[in-house]
Structures are given as C-alpha cells and as structure tokens.
Amino acid sequence: MKTVKITFIFCLISVLAFAKVSPKEKAALLDLYKSTNGAEWKNIWNLSSSVDQWYGVVVKNDKVVELNLAFNNLKGALPENFGDLENLTQINLFRNDITGAIPSSIGNLKTLHTLNLAFNQLSGTLPSTLGDLESLRSLQLFMNTIEGEIPNSIGKLSLLEDFEVYNNNLTGELPSGIGNLTNLRAIMVSSNKLSGKLPSNFSKLKKLKVLSLFDNNFFGMLPNSITELSSLEELILSNNAFYGALPNNLAQLSNLKVLMLGNNGFKGEIVNLEKQFPNLQQFDINNTENQGVIATLDEEED
C-alpha cells in the first residue's frame, strides 16, 4: 500500500511538473517554429519536451502567456494561426528576420499588453484587427517595411501608451482617433511617407511625452492644441512641409527638452525661441524661415 501511495505521488508530481497547454496553443507554437525555420534558431526548441521548457515560452496555469524570442534568428512569416495563442500578454520578437504581413488573427489576443515586432522584415499592411487588442499598452513595429495606411481601428486602443511605427513605408494621414487615446506617452511615426495635417484633437493627450513626426510629408500649420500637451518633452517635426507661424502659446510646453523644427516652412523669429524653454537640451531650426516677428494667430487654418 505504501508503494502504491509513493507511486501515485510521484505520478502526480510528474503531471504537475510538465505544463499541459491546449492542443490549439501547442499547434500554433509548432507552426511558428516551422514557418520561421526553427531548426536554425539560436536557441532551438526540444519538441519532445514539455512546452514550458521551450526557450522563450512562459506558461502559467497551463496557458502560454509570454513569447520572448528576441535576437533568436527567426526567418520566415508568422503563421495565420498565430492568433490561437489567445492567452498571451507579451510578445517580443525584436531583431529577427520575420517576413510577410502581420496575420489578421492577431486581433484574437485580447489579453496582450505588449507587442514588439520591431527590427524585422515585415511587409504588407497593418491589419485592422490590431484595434481589437483591447488590453494593449505598447505597440512597437519600427524598423520594418510595412506599407499602407494606419488603420482607423487604432483609435480603439484606449489603454495604449506607446505607439512606435517609425522607419516603415506607411502612407496616408494620422487617424484622428489617435487623439482620443488619452493614455499615450509616445507617438513615434518618423521616417515614413505619412502626409496631411495633424489632427486638431491632440489636446486630450495630457500624458504624451514624445511626439516624433520627423521625415514625413505632413503639412499645414501646427494646431493650437499642441500647446496643451503639458507633459511633452520631445517635439520632433523636422523634415516635413509645415508652414506658417508657430502657435502663440508654444512656450507653455515648459517641460520640453527636445524641439526640432528644421526643414519646414515655419515663419517668425524662431531663432529666439530657444530662450523660452528653460529645460531645452536639443534645438534645431535649420532651413526654416527665421526672419520677422512671430505672428499672433486668431484662428487656425482649416
């Protein structure tokens, strides 16, 4: 009898020691392994071992909750059933060689907090299903070759704090819905092919610290609402087609550390602007029109 009890306890320990994720989740992981040439990864998976023993996979309560495969030589496209990993809270595939488009099934990841696919070779357009990631706080897709417009559904990500899509081939305008994402701390869309005027509803973004629009085709006058971004520390507008006088109350942005305005058509006594920001560390006005006096704006251009 004692032997039976010991055997039972040993079996119980064995069962508890090896996480049993759902067949659907395991299949999605296996498809990822195959589609990104898992045999050539820097840290390969022993497919005969328990899933929780696989490098970069975090399992809690028999659910796959994290996938951390940065710098791991993944080469190939993400499988369409990637969205079957529906319990993920964090994805970090930074600095690999992942190609193809982000699968639309990504929208199934309702508990995802962090999505980092930066520094890969992703192409295609952003799926509108990104807007279904209702728990998302950080979206990092920079340094890829993603094209097309930023989907309007981005405006549904009410918890989003960091939006980093710089160095891609994105076109079109910034969706106005971005102005409703009141938890945003960083909007970084530099070095794309974006155009149009800035949304006028940026005044709601009281937590925004970084607004980086460098090297795009934005045009028009800066909306006065920018002066209401009281937490802003970096305003980077260089290499666009902005024009006209700057908002009267720009000096209200007393926390600014970086102000880059070069290669635009701003007018006014911009060279003296630097003195109005006590915490400024970087200031650039190269190739702006810095003659005359800053004009008073009674109303913004439509």
C-alpha atoms as a PDB file:
ATOM      1  CA  MET A   1       0.000   0.000   0.000  1.00  0.00           C
ATOM      2  CA  LYS A   2       2.840   2.329   0.858  1.00  0.00           C
ATOM      3  CA  THR A   3       4.425   1.609  -2.521  1.00  0.00           C
ATOM      4  CA  VAL A   4       1.144   2.459  -4.297  1.00  0.00           C
ATOM      5  CA  LYS A   5       0.936   5.796  -2.467  1.00  0.00           C
ATOM      6  CA  ILE A   6       4.515   6.667  -3.330  1.00  0.00           C
ATOM      7  CA  THR A   7       3.914   5.776  -6.974  1.00  0.00           C
ATOM      8  CA  PHE A   8       0.747   7.900  -7.042  1.00  0.00           C
ATOM      9  CA  ILE A   9       2.559  10.893  -5.517  1.00  0.00           C
ATOM     10  CA  PHE A  10       5.401  10.519  -7.999  1.00  0.00           C
ATOM     11  CA  CYS A  11       2.944  10.452 -10.910  1.00  0.00           C
ATOM     12  CA  LEU A  12       1.137  13.482  -9.520  1.00  0.00           C
ATOM     13  CA  ILE A  13       4.390  15.412  -9.229  1.00  0.00           C
ATOM     14  CA  SER A  14       5.292  14.413 -12.778  1.00  0.00           C
ATOM     15  CA  VAL A  15       1.967  15.677 -14.103  1.00  0.00           C
ATOM     16  CA  LEU A  16       2.325  18.974 -12.252  1.00  0.00           C
ATOM     17  CA  ALA A  17       5.929  19.396 -13.395  1.00  0.00           C
ATOM     18  CA  PHE A  18       5.013  19.317 -17.085  1.00  0.00           C
ATOM     19  CA  ALA A  19       2.621  22.020 -18.169  1.00  0.00           C
ATOM     20  CA  LYS A  20      -0.246  20.851 -20.376  1.00  0.00           C
ATOM     21  CA  VAL A  21      -1.143  23.697 -22.698  1.00  0.00           C
ATOM     22  CA  SER A  22      -4.128  23.327 -25.006  1.00  0.00           C
ATOM     23  CA  PRO A  23      -3.635  21.466 -28.300  1.00  0.00           C
ATOM     24  CA  LYS A  24      -4.566  24.683 -30.148  1.00  0.00           C
ATOM     25  CA  GLU A  25      -1.846  26.705 -28.454  1.00  0.00           C
ATOM     26  CA  LYS A  26       0.758  23.986 -28.930  1.00  0.00           C
ATOM     27  CA  ALA A  27      -0.159  23.709 -32.624  1.00  0.00           C
ATOM     28  CA  ALA A  28       0.278  27.482 -33.052  1.00  0.00           C
ATOM     29  CA  LEU A  29       3.714  27.327 -31.435  1.00  0.00           C
ATOM     30  CA  LEU A  30       4.744  24.406 -33.620  1.00  0.00           C
ATOM     31  CA  ASP A  31       3.565  26.250 -36.733  1.00  0.00           C
ATOM     32  CA  LEU A  32       5.598  29.287 -35.660  1.00  0.00           C
ATOM     33  CA  TYR A  33       8.634  27.058 -35.200  1.00  0.00           C
ATOM     34  CA  LYS A  34       8.227  25.528 -38.655  1.00  0.00           C
ATOM     35  CA  SER A  35       7.361  28.744 -40.517  1.00  0.00           C
ATOM     36  CA  THR A  36      10.363  30.630 -39.088  1.00  0.00           C
ATOM     37  CA  ASN A  37      12.937  27.889 -39.641  1.00  0.00           C
ATOM     38  CA  GLY A  38      13.141  26.779 -36.023  1.00  0.00           C
ATOM     39  CA  ALA A  39      15.959  24.344 -36.702  1.00  0.00           C
ATOM     40  CA  GLU A  40      18.199  27.354 -37.398  1.00  0.00           C
ATOM     41  CA  TRP A  41      17.210  29.411 -34.370  1.00  0.00           C
ATOM     42  CA  LYS A  42      19.950  30.423 -31.975  1.00  0.00           C
ATOM     43  CA  ASN A  43      18.025  28.742 -29.188  1.00  0.00           C
ATOM     44  CA  ILE A  44      16.044  25.873 -30.642  1.00  0.00           C
ATOM     45  CA  TRP A  45      13.155  24.036 -29.038  1.00  0.00           C
ATOM     46  CA  ASN A  46      13.332  20.419 -27.970  1.00  0.00           C
ATOM     47  CA  LEU A  47       9.939  19.441 -29.359  1.00  0.00           C
ATOM     48  CA  SER A  48       9.872  16.248 -27.334  1.00  0.00           C
ATOM     49  CA  SER A  49       9.991  18.159 -24.053  1.00  0.00           C
ATOM     50  CA  SER A  50       7.180  19.982 -22.265  1.00  0.00           C
ATOM     51  CA  VAL A  51       6.128  23.303 -23.808  1.00  0.00           C
ATOM     52  CA  ASP A  52       7.107  25.218 -20.682  1.00  0.00           C
ATOM     53  CA  GLN A  53      10.675  24.011 -21.267  1.00  0.00           C
ATOM     54  CA  TRP A  54      10.821  25.637 -24.693  1.00  0.00           C
ATOM     55  CA  TYR A  55      13.105  28.675 -24.871  1.00  0.00           C
ATOM     56  CA  GLY A  56      11.241  31.975 -24.564  1.00  0.00           C
ATOM     57  CA  VAL A  57       7.853  30.425 -23.800  1.00  0.00           C
ATOM     58  CA  VAL A  58       6.293  31.288 -20.448  1.00  0.00           C
ATOM     59  CA  VAL A  59       3.443  29.082 -19.273  1.00  0.00           C
ATOM     60  CA  LYS A  60       1.208  29.874 -16.305  1.00  0.00           C
ATOM     61  CA  ASN A  61      -1.789  27.808 -15.253  1.00  0.00           C
ATOM     62  CA  ASP A  62      -1.395  25.711 -18.398  1.00  0.00           C
ATOM     63  CA  LYS A  63      -1.669  28.783 -20.623  1.00  0.00           C
ATOM     64  CA  VAL A  64       1.017  30.308 -22.845  1.00  0.00           C
ATOM     65  CA  VAL A  65       1.258  33.874 -21.532  1.00  0.00           C
ATOM     66  CA  GLU A  66       4.569  35.154 -22.906  1.00  0.00           C
ATOM     67  CA  LEU A  67       6.652  34.625 -26.030  1.00  0.00           C
ATOM     68  CA  ASN A  68      10.144  36.108 -25.796  1.00  0.00           C
ATOM     69  CA  LEU A  69      12.237  35.249 -28.853  1.00  0.00           C
ATOM     70  CA  ALA A  70      14.209  38.447 -29.465  1.00  0.00           C
ATOM     71  CA  PHE A  71      17.577  38.082 -31.232  1.00  0.00           C
ATOM     72  CA  ASN A  72      16.843  34.425 -31.992  1.00  0.00           C
ATOM     73  CA  ASN A  73      17.299  34.216 -35.781  1.00  0.00           C
ATOM     74  CA  LEU A  74      13.663  33.640 -36.706  1.00  0.00           C
ATOM     75  CA  LYS A  75      13.397  33.673 -40.522  1.00  0.00           C
ATOM     76  CA  GLY A  76      10.064  33.480 -42.280  1.00  0.00           C
ATOM     77  CA  ALA A  77       6.451  34.565 -41.868  1.00  0.00           C
ATOM     78  CA  LEU A  78       4.209  34.401 -38.831  1.00  0.00           C
ATOM     79  CA  PRO A  79       1.605  31.637 -39.310  1.00  0.00           C
ATOM     80  CA  GLU A  80      -2.034  32.609 -39.752  1.00  0.00           C
ATOM     81  CA  ASN A  81      -3.000  30.691 -36.622  1.00  0.00           C
ATOM     82  CA  PHE A  82      -0.643  32.849 -34.544  1.00  0.00           C
ATOM     83  CA  GLY A  83      -3.773  34.354 -33.018  1.00  0.00           C
ATOM     84  CA  ASP A  84      -4.613  30.988 -31.457  1.00  0.00           C
ATOM     85  CA  LEU A  85      -2.145  31.908 -28.708  1.00  0.00           C
ATOM     86  CA  GLU A  86      -5.027  33.803 -27.213  1.00  0.00           C
ATOM     87  CA  ASN A  87      -3.715  33.951 -23.634  1.00  0.00           C
ATOM     88  CA  LEU A  88      -0.548  35.864 -24.473  1.00  0.00           C
ATOM     89  CA  THR A  89       0.148  39.017 -22.511  1.00  0.00           C
ATOM     90  CA  GLN A  90       3.560  39.721 -24.050  1.00  0.00           C
ATOM     91  CA  ILE A  91       5.154  39.102 -27.450  1.00  0.00           C
ATOM     92  CA  ASN A  92       8.782  40.068 -28.012  1.00  0.00           C
ATOM     93  CA  LEU A  93      10.165  39.037 -31.411  1.00  0.00           C
ATOM     94  CA  PHE A  94      12.528  42.005 -31.671  1.00  0.00           C
ATOM     95  CA  ARG A  95      15.507  41.881 -34.016  1.00  0.00           C
ATOM     96  CA  ASN A  96      14.860  38.799 -36.119  1.00  0.00           C
ATOM     97  CA  ASP A  97      14.237  38.303 -39.835  1.00  0.00           C
ATOM     98  CA  ILE A  98      10.476  37.813 -39.819  1.00  0.00           C
ATOM     99  CA  THR A  99       8.897  38.485 -43.205  1.00  0.00           C
ATOM    100  CA  GLY A 100       5.393  38.802 -44.637  1.00  0.00           C
ATOM    101  CA  ALA A 101       2.417  40.593 -43.153  1.00  0.00           C
ATOM    102  CA  ILE A 102       1.145  40.586 -39.590  1.00  0.00           C
ATOM    103  CA  PRO A 103      -1.649  37.961 -39.631  1.00  0.00           C
ATOM    104  CA  SER A 104      -5.165  39.278 -39.099  1.00  0.00           C
ATOM    105  CA  SER A 105      -5.686  36.645 -36.394  1.00  0.00           C
ATOM    106  CA  ILE A 106      -3.532  38.813 -34.118  1.00  0.00           C
ATOM    107  CA  GLY A 107      -6.768  40.510 -33.119  1.00  0.00           C
ATOM    108  CA  ASN A 108      -7.696  37.417 -31.086  1.00  0.00           C
ATOM    109  CA  LEU A 109      -5.108  38.295 -28.442  1.00  0.00           C
ATOM    110  CA  LYS A 110      -7.441  40.172 -26.131  1.00  0.00           C
ATOM    111  CA  THR A 111      -5.122  39.998 -23.102  1.00  0.00           C
ATOM    112  CA  LEU A 112      -1.985  41.167 -24.917  1.00  0.00           C
ATOM    113  CA  HIS A 113      -0.205  44.079 -23.183  1.00  0.00           C
ATOM    114  CA  THR A 114       2.992  44.306 -25.238  1.00  0.00           C
ATOM    115  CA  LEU A 115       3.570  43.624 -28.936  1.00  0.00           C
ATOM    116  CA  ASN A 116       7.169  44.090 -30.107  1.00  0.00           C
ATOM    117  CA  LEU A 117       7.851  43.054 -33.711  1.00  0.00           C
ATOM    118  CA  ALA A 118      10.427  45.779 -34.320  1.00  0.00           C
ATOM    119  CA  PHE A 119      13.596  45.355 -36.392  1.00  0.00           C
ATOM    120  CA  ASN A 120      12.337  42.639 -38.715  1.00  0.00           C
ATOM    121  CA  GLN A 121      11.406  42.494 -42.407  1.00  0.00           C
ATOM    122  CA  LEU A 122       7.642  42.688 -42.027  1.00  0.00           C
ATOM    123  CA  SER A 123       5.778  43.938 -45.099  1.00  0.00           C
ATOM    124  CA  GLY A 124       2.178  44.280 -46.226  1.00  0.00           C
ATOM    125  CA  THR A 125      -0.364  46.459 -44.472  1.00  0.00           C
ATOM    126  CA  LEU A 126      -1.358  46.722 -40.850  1.00  0.00           C
ATOM    127  CA  PRO A 127      -4.449  44.577 -40.181  1.00  0.00           C
ATOM    128  CA  SER A 128      -7.494  46.447 -38.935  1.00  0.00           C
ATOM    129  CA  THR A 129      -7.779  43.755 -36.265  1.00  0.00           C
ATOM    130  CA  LEU A 130      -4.982  45.480 -34.348  1.00  0.00           C
ATOM    131  CA  GLY A 131      -7.794  47.606 -32.986  1.00  0.00           C
ATOM    132  CA  ASP A 132      -9.211  44.530 -31.250  1.00  0.00           C
ATOM    133  CA  LEU A 133      -6.219  44.284 -28.896  1.00  0.00           C
ATOM    134  CA  GLU A 134      -8.205  45.849 -26.090  1.00  0.00           C
ATOM    135  CA  SER A 135      -5.514  45.335 -23.418  1.00  0.00           C
ATOM    136  CA  LEU A 136      -2.594  46.614 -25.492  1.00  0.00           C
ATOM    137  CA  ARG A 137      -0.295  49.160 -23.869  1.00  0.00           C
ATOM    138  CA  SER A 138       2.798  49.048 -26.080  1.00  0.00           C
ATOM    139  CA  LEU A 139       2.897  48.635 -29.878  1.00  0.00           C
ATOM    140  CA  GLN A 140       6.410  48.539 -31.345  1.00  0.00           C
ATOM    141  CA  LEU A 141       6.631  47.864 -35.082  1.00  0.00           C
ATOM    142  CA  PHE A 142       9.513  50.166 -36.023  1.00  0.00           C
ATOM    143  CA  MET A 143      12.279  49.296 -38.496  1.00  0.00           C
ATOM    144  CA  ASN A 144      10.233  47.145 -40.887  1.00  0.00           C
ATOM    145  CA  THR A 145       8.859  47.695 -44.411  1.00  0.00           C
ATOM    146  CA  ILE A 146       5.170  47.873 -43.527  1.00  0.00           C
ATOM    147  CA  GLU A 147       3.133  49.896 -46.024  1.00  0.00           C
ATOM    148  CA  GLY A 148      -0.358  51.289 -46.449  1.00  0.00           C
ATOM    149  CA  GLU A 149      -2.320  53.429 -44.016  1.00  0.00           C
ATOM    150  CA  ILE A 150      -2.519  53.272 -40.253  1.00  0.00           C
ATOM    151  CA  PRO A 151      -5.949  51.697 -39.695  1.00  0.00           C
ATOM    152  CA  ASN A 152      -8.607  53.834 -38.056  1.00  0.00           C
ATOM    153  CA  SER A 153      -9.194  50.976 -35.613  1.00  0.00           C
ATOM    154  CA  ILE A 154      -6.036  52.073 -33.770  1.00  0.00           C
ATOM    155  CA  GLY A 155      -8.297  54.653 -32.156  1.00  0.00           C
ATOM    156  CA  LYS A 156      -9.972  51.843 -30.197  1.00  0.00           C
ATOM    157  CA  LEU A 157      -6.836  51.025 -28.183  1.00  0.00           C
ATOM    158  CA  SER A 158      -7.848  53.027 -25.135  1.00  0.00           C
ATOM    159  CA  LEU A 159      -5.043  51.669 -22.921  1.00  0.00           C
ATOM    160  CA  LEU A 160      -2.246  52.265 -25.438  1.00  0.00           C
ATOM    161  CA  GLU A 161       0.773  54.103 -24.020  1.00  0.00           C
ATOM    162  CA  ASP A 162       3.479  53.672 -26.669  1.00  0.00           C
ATOM    163  CA  PHE A 163       2.849  53.788 -30.435  1.00  0.00           C
ATOM    164  CA  GLU A 164       6.147  53.247 -32.257  1.00  0.00           C
ATOM    165  CA  VAL A 165       5.972  52.599 -36.012  1.00  0.00           C
ATOM    166  CA  TYR A 166       8.871  54.707 -37.272  1.00  0.00           C
ATOM    167  CA  ASN A 167      11.082  53.659 -40.201  1.00  0.00           C
ATOM    168  CA  ASN A 168       8.454  51.919 -42.318  1.00  0.00           C
ATOM    169  CA  ASN A 169       6.668  52.814 -45.569  1.00  0.00           C
ATOM    170  CA  LEU A 170       3.370  53.935 -44.085  1.00  0.00           C
ATOM    171  CA  THR A 171       1.250  56.386 -46.088  1.00  0.00           C
ATOM    172  CA  GLY A 172      -1.903  58.432 -45.579  1.00  0.00           C
ATOM    173  CA  GLU A 173      -2.824  60.577 -42.620  1.00  0.00           C
ATOM    174  CA  LEU A 174      -2.654  60.037 -38.893  1.00  0.00           C
ATOM    175  CA  PRO A 175      -6.094  58.717 -37.882  1.00  0.00           C
ATOM    176  CA  SER A 176      -7.973  61.297 -35.869  1.00  0.00           C
ATOM    177  CA  GLY A 177      -8.850  58.570 -33.363  1.00  0.00           C
ATOM    178  CA  ILE A 178      -5.276  58.733 -32.062  1.00  0.00           C
ATOM    179  CA  GLY A 179      -6.263  61.982 -30.402  1.00  0.00           C
ATOM    180  CA  ASN A 180      -8.679  60.052 -28.177  1.00  0.00           C
ATOM    181  CA  LEU A 181      -6.021  57.720 -26.746  1.00  0.00           C
ATOM    182  CA  THR A 182      -5.563  59.627 -23.524  1.00  0.00           C
ATOM    183  CA  ASN A 183      -3.006  57.192 -22.063  1.00  0.00           C
ATOM    184  CA  LEU A 184      -0.484  57.743 -24.845  1.00  0.00           C
ATOM    185  CA  ARG A 185       3.031  58.650 -23.729  1.00  0.00           C
ATOM    186  CA  ALA A 186       4.771  58.360 -27.100  1.00  0.00           C
ATOM    187  CA  ILE A 187       3.739  58.762 -30.741  1.00  0.00           C
ATOM    188  CA  MET A 188       6.746  57.876 -32.885  1.00  0.00           C
ATOM    189  CA  VAL A 189       5.962  57.734 -36.611  1.00  0.00           C
ATOM    190  CA  SER A 190       9.142  59.262 -38.062  1.00  0.00           C
ATOM    191  CA  SER A 191      10.683  58.227 -41.386  1.00  0.00           C
ATOM    192  CA  ASN A 192       7.557  57.065 -43.187  1.00  0.00           C
ATOM    193  CA  LYS A 193       5.568  58.572 -46.060  1.00  0.00           C
ATOM    194  CA  LEU A 194       2.741  59.954 -43.967  1.00  0.00           C
ATOM    195  CA  SER A 195       1.042  63.146 -45.078  1.00  0.00           C
ATOM    196  CA  GLY A 196      -1.831  65.502 -44.340  1.00  0.00           C
ATOM    197  CA  LYS A 197      -2.469  67.839 -41.454  1.00  0.00           C
ATOM    198  CA  LEU A 198      -2.203  66.892 -37.812  1.00  0.00           C
ATOM    199  CA  PRO A 199      -5.451  66.029 -36.027  1.00  0.00           C
ATOM    200  CA  SER A 200      -6.778  69.006 -34.106  1.00  0.00           C
ATOM    201  CA  ASN A 201      -7.851  66.912 -31.117  1.00  0.00           C
ATOM    202  CA  PHE A 202      -4.364  66.302 -29.705  1.00  0.00           C
ATOM    203  CA  SER A 203      -5.232  68.454 -26.690  1.00  0.00           C
ATOM    204  CA  LYS A 204      -6.620  65.357 -24.923  1.00  0.00           C
ATOM    205  CA  LEU A 205      -3.194  63.706 -24.807  1.00  0.00           C
ATOM    206  CA  LYS A 206      -2.165  65.108 -21.434  1.00  0.00           C
ATOM    207  CA  LYS A 207       0.270  62.244 -20.732  1.00  0.00           C
ATOM    208  CA  LEU A 208       2.102  62.495 -24.055  1.00  0.00           C
ATOM    209  CA  LYS A 209       5.856  62.959 -23.617  1.00  0.00           C
ATOM    210  CA  VAL A 210       7.159  62.264 -27.132  1.00  0.00           C
ATOM    211  CA  LEU A 211       5.679  63.396 -30.445  1.00  0.00           C
ATOM    212  CA  SER A 212       8.102  62.425 -33.207  1.00  0.00           C
ATOM    213  CA  LEU A 213       6.964  63.098 -36.794  1.00  0.00           C
ATOM    214  CA  PHE A 214      10.400  63.594 -38.360  1.00  0.00           C
ATOM    215  CA  ASP A 215      10.916  62.881 -42.081  1.00  0.00           C
ATOM    216  CA  ASN A 216       7.396  62.580 -43.471  1.00  0.00           C
ATOM    217  CA  ASN A 217       5.166  64.720 -45.691  1.00  0.00           C
ATOM    218  CA  PHE A 218       2.978  66.381 -43.077  1.00  0.00           C
ATOM    219  CA  PHE A 219       1.892  69.907 -43.976  1.00  0.00           C
ATOM    220  CA  GLY A 220      -0.152  72.846 -42.753  1.00  0.00           C
ATOM    221  CA  MET A 221       0.104  74.949 -39.627  1.00  0.00           C
ATOM    222  CA  LEU A 222       0.538  73.373 -36.235  1.00  0.00           C
ATOM    223  CA  PRO A 223      -2.794  73.168 -34.415  1.00  0.00           C
ATOM    224  CA  ASN A 224      -3.013  75.286 -31.281  1.00  0.00           C
ATOM    225  CA  SER A 225      -3.997  72.128 -29.401  1.00  0.00           C
ATOM    226  CA  ILE A 226      -0.313  71.127 -29.335  1.00  0.00           C
ATOM    227  CA  THR A 227       0.300  73.825 -26.728  1.00  0.00           C
ATOM    228  CA  GLU A 228      -1.978  71.915 -24.326  1.00  0.00           C
ATOM    229  CA  LEU A 229       0.286  68.873 -24.197  1.00  0.00           C
ATOM    230  CA  SER A 230       1.607  69.823 -20.784  1.00  0.00           C
ATOM    231  CA  SER A 231       3.736  66.679 -20.294  1.00  0.00           C
ATOM    232  CA  LEU A 232       5.504  66.932 -23.661  1.00  0.00           C
ATOM    233  CA  GLU A 233       9.291  66.555 -23.503  1.00  0.00           C
ATOM    234  CA  GLU A 234      10.156  65.916 -27.163  1.00  0.00           C
ATOM    235  CA  LEU A 235       8.555  67.637 -30.150  1.00  0.00           C
ATOM    236  CA  ILE A 236      10.290  66.492 -33.334  1.00  0.00           C
ATOM    237  CA  LEU A 237       8.815  67.936 -36.531  1.00  0.00           C
ATOM    238  CA  SER A 238      11.868  68.271 -38.787  1.00  0.00           C
ATOM    239  CA  ASN A 239      11.827  67.359 -42.480  1.00  0.00           C
ATOM    240  CA  ASN A 240       8.168  67.903 -43.264  1.00  0.00           C
ATOM    241  CA  ALA A 241       6.199  70.623 -45.046  1.00  0.00           C
ATOM    242  CA  PHE A 242       4.728  72.515 -42.093  1.00  0.00           C
ATOM    243  CA  TYR A 243       4.401  76.238 -42.637  1.00  0.00           C
ATOM    244  CA  GLY A 244       3.202  79.478 -41.115  1.00  0.00           C
ATOM    245  CA  ALA A 245       3.664  80.900 -37.645  1.00  0.00           C
ATOM    246  CA  LEU A 246       4.010  78.663 -34.645  1.00  0.00           C
ATOM    247  CA  PRO A 247       1.197  78.633 -32.060  1.00  0.00           C
ATOM    248  CA  ASN A 248       1.349  81.659 -29.773  1.00  0.00           C
ATOM    249  CA  ASN A 249       1.497  79.678 -26.567  1.00  0.00           C
ATOM    250  CA  LEU A 250       4.120  77.143 -27.589  1.00  0.00           C
ATOM    251  CA  ALA A 251       6.275  78.332 -24.683  1.00  0.00           C
ATOM    252  CA  GLN A 252       3.660  76.810 -22.356  1.00  0.00           C
ATOM    253  CA  LEU A 253       5.385  73.494 -23.042  1.00  0.00           C
ATOM    254  CA  SER A 254       7.786  74.149 -20.177  1.00  0.00           C
ATOM    255  CA  ASN A 255       8.909  70.504 -19.953  1.00  0.00           C
ATOM    256  CA  LEU A 256      10.327  70.427 -23.476  1.00  0.00           C
ATOM    257  CA  LYS A 257      13.835  69.013 -23.696  1.00  0.00           C
ATOM    258  CA  VAL A 258      13.948  68.448 -27.455  1.00  0.00           C
ATOM    259  CA  LEU A 259      12.486  70.813 -30.069  1.00  0.00           C
ATOM    260  CA  MET A 260      13.335  70.029 -33.685  1.00  0.00           C
ATOM    261  CA  LEU A 261      11.705  72.253 -36.310  1.00  0.00           C
ATOM    262  CA  GLY A 262      14.231  72.231 -39.171  1.00  0.00           C
ATOM    263  CA  ASN A 263      13.462  71.804 -42.866  1.00  0.00           C
ATOM    264  CA  ASN A 264       9.933  73.179 -42.711  1.00  0.00           C
ATOM    265  CA  GLY A 265       8.372  76.468 -43.726  1.00  0.00           C
ATOM    266  CA  PHE A 266       7.761  77.958 -40.312  1.00  0.00           C
ATOM    267  CA  LYS A 267       7.908  81.737 -40.173  1.00  0.00           C
ATOM    268  CA  GLY A 268       8.779  84.179 -37.452  1.00  0.00           C
ATOM    269  CA  GLU A 269      11.606  84.980 -35.103  1.00  0.00           C
ATOM    270  CA  ILE A 270      12.228  81.321 -34.494  1.00  0.00           C
ATOM    271  CA  VAL A 271      15.905  81.779 -33.667  1.00  0.00           C
ATOM    272  CA  ASN A 272      14.896  83.370 -30.342  1.00  0.00           C
ATOM    273  CA  LEU A 273      12.504  80.589 -29.469  1.00  0.00           C
ATOM    274  CA  GLU A 274      15.164  78.558 -27.684  1.00  0.00           C
ATOM    275  CA  LYS A 275      15.335  81.061 -24.824  1.00  0.00           C
ATOM    276  CA  GLN A 276      11.682  80.429 -23.936  1.00  0.00           C
ATOM    277  CA  PHE A 277      12.229  76.811 -22.872  1.00  0.00           C
ATOM    278  CA  PRO A 278      14.268  76.516 -19.646  1.00  0.00           C
ATOM    279  CA  ASN A 279      14.834  72.745 -19.914  1.00  0.00           C
ATOM    280  CA  LEU A 280      15.729  72.571 -23.597  1.00  0.00           C
ATOM    281  CA  GLN A 281      18.687  70.326 -24.451  1.00  0.00           C
ATOM    282  CA  GLN A 282      18.311  69.953 -28.223  1.00  0.00           C
ATOM    283  CA  PHE A 283      17.075  72.668 -30.578  1.00  0.00           C
ATOM    284  CA  ASP A 284      17.092  72.649 -34.376  1.00  0.00           C
ATOM    285  CA  ILE A 285      15.717  75.270 -36.764  1.00  0.00           C
ATOM    286  CA  ASN A 286      17.968  74.680 -39.785  1.00  0.00           C
ATOM    287  CA  ASN A 287      16.445  75.770 -43.087  1.00  0.00           C
ATOM    288  CA  THR A 288      13.393  77.398 -41.544  1.00  0.00           C
ATOM    289  CA  GLU A 289      12.351  80.940 -42.352  1.00  0.00           C
ATOM    290  CA  ASN A 290      13.576  82.800 -39.298  1.00  0.00           C
ATOM    291  CA  GLN A 291      13.042  86.396 -40.348  1.00  0.00           C
ATOM    292  CA  GLY A 292      10.477  88.792 -38.920  1.00  0.00           C
ATOM    293  CA  VAL A 293       8.306  88.540 -35.847  1.00  0.00           C
ATOM    294  CA  ILE A 294       6.168  85.647 -34.691  1.00  0.00           C
ATOM    295  CA  ALA A 295       2.639  86.450 -35.743  1.00  0.00           C
ATOM    296  CA  THR A 296      -0.368  86.258 -33.466  1.00  0.00           C
ATOM    297  CA  LEU A 297      -2.893  83.697 -34.646  1.00  0.00           C
ATOM    298  CA  ASP A 298      -6.526  84.493 -34.053  1.00  0.00           C
ATOM    299  CA  GLU A 299      -7.650  81.200 -35.553  1.00  0.00           C
ATOM    300  CA  GLU A 300      -6.150  78.109 -37.133  1.00  0.00           C
ATOM    301  CA  GLU A 301      -6.199  77.413 -40.831  1.00  0.00           C
ATOM    302  CA  ASP A 302      -8.888  74.887 -41.808  1.00  0.00           C
END
